[in-house]
Amino acid sequence: MVISSCHSQSEKKDYTLFLQGVIAKRNDFKRLYVNADVSAKDSILTEARAYLINTISNDIFPYWYGTKWDFNGTTRTPQQGKIACGYFVTNILEDVGFKIPRVKWAQSASEVFIKKLAPNNIKRFSNRPIAEIENYLLTTGDGLYVVGLDIHVGFIIVKNKSIKFVHSNYYKPEIGVMKEDINSKNPFKDSNYRIIGKLMSDEMVIRWINNTAYDE
């Protein structure tokens, strides 16, 4: 089942203006974090992590739903032009303020950047049934994940025992970016290889707060 945004684009703030608000929020977190003691820093990281996951899942993704897929798609603007799967992933991360080599990562094998984003939170599956992967995700817990497949990449949202795959879908290029069940007819289910990294570790959130760059 394809799930799209519940609000029309006209009801939303301009995407660029929305992203400016995200960066302003990051700056607020940085001011708090720099001046906090150890225990307060932990609380700030927890709040920043929740903010990032909620903002990406509930705000950023819906802007992009319906943006058409193309193998060479590189648009930076939702609903305008077309977007390839790798560029969709790296656009989102850069748009919310992660300092990444967006183009290089978009053009690389997904495993390259998954290992950089989630070095200590990675699981690989080869020729495993979807039920085993669902169990892993539910056990690992709520959050935002990035998944690399045989020839594809996207995000996974786990929340309240629900698992959704968010990606620029080459199976349905005229729809493109969508959110759907991982067990539906899609590249996630059909792939033989899957590498899954859970995003927003403390290290990743600290990098976001401090605007620390990832190397290539």
Protein backbone atom coordinates (compact mmCIF):
# COMPACT_ATOMS: atom_id res chain seq x y z
CA MET A 1 0.00 0.00 0.00
CA VAL A 2 1.35 3.42 -0.96
CA ILE A 3 0.98 6.09 1.69
CA SER A 4 1.27 9.71 0.72
CA SER A 5 1.17 12.98 2.58
CA CYS A 6 -2.11 13.90 4.28
CA HIS A 7 -1.60 17.55 3.38
CA SER A 8 -1.46 19.07 -0.06
CA GLN A 9 1.69 20.90 -1.07
CA SER A 10 -0.19 24.20 -1.02
CA GLU A 11 -0.89 23.75 2.68
CA LYS A 12 2.79 23.47 3.53
CA LYS A 13 5.43 26.06 4.15
CA ASP A 14 7.83 26.55 1.26
CA TYR A 15 10.43 23.77 1.41
CA THR A 16 13.38 26.14 1.53
CA LEU A 17 11.80 28.13 4.35
CA PHE A 18 11.05 24.93 6.25
CA LEU A 19 14.67 23.85 5.97
CA GLN A 20 15.82 27.21 7.24
CA GLY A 21 13.76 26.52 10.34
CA VAL A 22 15.46 23.14 10.76
CA ILE A 23 18.90 24.75 10.64
CA ALA A 24 17.79 27.40 13.11
CA LYS A 25 16.68 24.61 15.44
CA ARG A 26 20.06 22.94 15.04
CA ASN A 27 21.74 26.19 16.06
CA ASP A 28 19.51 26.32 19.14
CA PHE A 29 20.58 22.80 20.07
CA LYS A 30 24.23 23.76 19.61
CA ARG A 31 23.96 26.76 21.93
CA LEU A 32 22.40 24.57 24.60
CA TYR A 33 24.84 21.70 24.08
CA VAL A 34 28.00 23.80 24.27
CA ASN A 35 27.01 25.25 27.64
CA ALA A 36 25.56 22.09 29.20
CA ASP A 37 27.07 19.77 31.80
CA VAL A 38 27.42 16.04 31.12
CA SER A 39 23.96 15.01 32.28
CA ALA A 40 22.32 17.90 30.46
CA LYS A 41 24.21 17.00 27.29
CA ASP A 42 22.63 13.54 27.37
CA SER A 43 19.17 15.07 27.63
CA ILE A 44 19.89 17.45 24.76
CA LEU A 45 21.07 14.58 22.56
CA THR A 46 17.91 12.64 23.33
CA GLU A 47 15.77 15.64 22.42
CA ALA A 48 17.76 16.37 19.25
CA ARG A 49 17.53 12.74 18.15
CA ALA A 50 13.76 12.74 18.56
CA TYR A 51 13.55 16.06 16.71
CA LEU A 52 15.54 14.74 13.75
CA ILE A 53 13.62 11.49 13.44
CA ASN A 54 10.24 13.19 13.73
CA THR A 55 11.14 16.02 11.38
CA ILE A 56 12.51 13.74 8.67
CA SER A 57 9.72 11.18 8.99
CA ASN A 58 6.73 13.47 9.46
CA ASP A 59 7.75 16.67 7.66
CA ILE A 60 10.60 16.23 5.18
CA PHE A 61 9.46 12.97 3.58
CA PRO A 62 5.94 14.24 2.80
CA TYR A 63 7.38 17.14 0.81
CA TRP A 64 9.02 14.57 -1.46
CA TYR A 65 6.18 12.06 -1.84
CA GLY A 66 5.18 11.85 -5.49
CA THR A 67 8.43 13.26 -6.87
CA LYS A 68 9.10 11.11 -9.93
CA TRP A 69 11.97 8.64 -10.14
CA ASP A 70 14.62 8.61 -12.82
CA PHE A 71 17.97 6.79 -12.85
CA ASN A 72 19.68 10.11 -13.62
CA GLY A 73 17.38 12.24 -11.45
CA THR A 74 19.17 14.81 -9.31
CA THR A 75 16.53 17.41 -8.47
CA ARG A 76 17.03 19.39 -5.27
CA THR A 77 13.41 20.52 -5.17
CA PRO A 78 10.48 18.28 -4.20
CA GLN A 79 7.82 17.87 -6.90
CA GLN A 80 10.09 19.42 -9.53
CA GLY A 81 12.15 17.27 -11.86
CA LYS A 82 13.04 13.69 -10.99
CA ILE A 83 15.09 11.97 -8.31
CA ALA A 84 17.19 8.79 -8.24
CA CYS A 85 17.20 6.65 -5.12
CA GLY A 86 20.70 7.59 -3.98
CA TYR A 87 20.14 11.29 -4.46
CA PHE A 88 16.88 11.05 -2.54
CA VAL A 89 18.71 9.66 0.48
CA THR A 90 21.62 12.08 0.41
CA ASN A 91 19.39 15.08 -0.37
CA ILE A 92 17.37 14.41 2.76
CA LEU A 93 20.44 14.10 4.97
CA GLU A 94 22.03 17.26 3.61
CA ASP A 95 18.77 19.19 3.67
CA VAL A 96 18.33 18.66 7.42
CA GLY A 97 21.89 19.79 8.05
CA PHE A 98 24.26 16.85 7.88
CA LYS A 99 27.54 17.91 6.28
CA ILE A 100 28.07 15.06 3.82
CA PRO A 101 29.60 14.63 0.34
CA ARG A 102 26.09 14.48 -1.09
CA VAL A 103 26.87 13.87 -4.76
CA LYS A 104 29.71 11.40 -4.22
CA TRP A 105 27.68 9.33 -1.76
CA ALA A 106 24.63 9.41 -4.03
CA GLN A 107 26.73 7.92 -6.83
CA SER A 108 28.48 5.32 -4.68
CA ALA A 109 27.43 1.90 -3.46
CA SER A 110 25.10 2.45 -0.50
CA GLU A 111 27.29 0.35 1.78
CA VAL A 112 29.99 3.03 1.54
CA PHE A 113 27.97 5.71 3.28
CA ILE A 114 25.92 3.41 5.51
CA LYS A 115 29.19 2.33 7.16
CA LYS A 116 30.08 5.98 7.74
CA LEU A 117 26.69 7.01 9.10
CA ALA A 118 26.08 3.99 11.33
CA PRO A 119 29.42 2.24 11.91
CA ASN A 120 28.28 0.51 15.09
CA ASN A 121 24.64 -0.11 14.17
CA ILE A 122 24.78 -2.24 11.00
CA LYS A 123 23.20 -5.57 10.14
CA ARG A 124 23.61 -7.46 6.87
CA PHE A 125 21.21 -10.03 5.46
CA SER A 126 21.86 -12.30 2.47
CA ASN A 127 19.00 -14.34 1.03
CA ARG A 128 16.99 -14.11 4.26
CA PRO A 129 13.18 -14.16 4.53
CA ILE A 130 11.40 -10.88 5.08
CA ALA A 131 9.99 -12.14 8.40
CA GLU A 132 13.51 -12.40 9.82
CA ILE A 133 14.26 -8.82 8.84
CA GLU A 134 11.00 -7.58 10.30
CA ASN A 135 11.85 -9.31 13.57
CA TYR A 136 15.29 -7.70 13.60
CA LEU A 137 13.86 -4.22 13.03
CA LEU A 138 11.18 -4.59 15.68
CA THR A 139 13.76 -5.91 18.15
CA THR A 140 16.23 -3.14 17.35
CA GLY A 141 13.47 -0.65 18.00
CA ASP A 142 11.76 2.52 16.88
CA GLY A 143 13.79 4.91 14.81
CA LEU A 144 15.05 5.82 11.38
CA TYR A 145 17.20 3.45 9.34
CA VAL A 146 18.92 3.54 5.96
CA VAL A 147 18.93 0.34 3.89
CA GLY A 148 21.06 -0.65 0.94
CA LEU A 149 19.79 -3.33 -1.42
CA ASP A 150 21.08 -5.15 -4.50
CA ILE A 151 20.68 -2.07 -6.70
CA HIS A 152 18.69 0.34 -4.55
CA VAL A 153 18.74 2.40 -1.34
CA GLY A 154 16.13 4.02 0.88
CA PHE A 155 14.99 4.68 4.42
CA ILE A 156 13.04 2.57 6.90
CA ILE A 157 10.83 4.02 9.61
CA VAL A 158 10.05 1.83 12.61
CA LYS A 159 7.41 3.19 14.96
CA ASN A 160 4.97 1.46 17.28
CA LYS A 161 5.59 -1.95 15.64
CA SER A 162 4.95 -0.48 12.19
CA ILE A 163 7.71 -0.78 9.57
CA LYS A 164 7.65 1.41 6.46
CA PHE A 165 10.01 1.70 3.50
CA VAL A 166 10.54 5.24 2.14
CA HIS A 167 12.34 5.48 -1.19
CA SER A 168 12.37 6.77 -4.74
CA ASN A 169 10.78 3.75 -6.36
CA TYR A 170 11.99 2.63 -9.78
CA TYR A 171 9.23 0.02 -9.84
CA LYS A 172 6.77 2.92 -10.08
CA PRO A 173 8.74 5.77 -11.66
CA GLU A 174 5.69 7.96 -12.29
CA ILE A 175 5.01 7.99 -8.54
CA GLY A 176 8.64 7.91 -7.45
CA VAL A 177 9.06 8.83 -3.81
CA MET A 178 6.67 6.92 -1.59
CA LYS A 179 6.19 5.23 1.75
CA GLU A 180 5.00 1.62 1.74
CA ASP A 181 5.00 -1.64 3.66
CA ILE A 182 8.31 -3.50 3.38
CA ASN A 183 6.38 -6.68 2.60
CA SER A 184 4.63 -5.22 -0.46
CA LYS A 185 5.84 -5.58 -4.05
CA ASN A 186 8.95 -3.42 -3.92
CA PRO A 187 12.76 -3.56 -4.21
CA PHE A 188 13.17 -4.13 -0.47
CA LYS A 189 11.21 -7.36 -0.54
CA ASP A 190 12.73 -8.55 -3.82
CA SER A 191 16.37 -7.85 -2.99
CA ASN A 192 18.71 -10.72 -2.15
CA TYR A 193 21.11 -8.54 -0.15
CA ARG A 194 20.20 -5.97 2.48
CA ILE A 195 22.45 -3.84 4.65
CA ILE A 196 20.60 -1.90 7.32
CA GLY A 197 22.06 0.88 9.44
CA LYS A 198 20.22 2.52 12.30
CA LEU A 199 20.65 6.28 12.14
CA MET A 200 20.91 8.95 14.83
CA SER A 201 23.42 7.43 17.22
CA ASP A 202 24.89 9.85 19.76
CA GLU A 203 27.89 10.33 17.48
CA MET A 204 25.70 11.13 14.49
CA VAL A 205 23.56 13.59 16.43
CA ILE A 206 26.65 15.32 17.85
CA ARG A 207 28.00 15.68 14.32
CA TRP A 208 24.70 17.27 13.30
CA ILE A 209 24.66 19.67 16.26
CA ASN A 210 28.27 20.74 15.63
CA ASN A 211 27.97 20.74 11.82
CA THR A 212 30.94 18.37 11.64
CA ALA A 213 31.72 17.11 8.17
CA TYR A 214 31.83 13.47 7.12
CA ASP A 215 34.79 12.52 4.96
CA GLU A 216 34.29 10.96 1.56
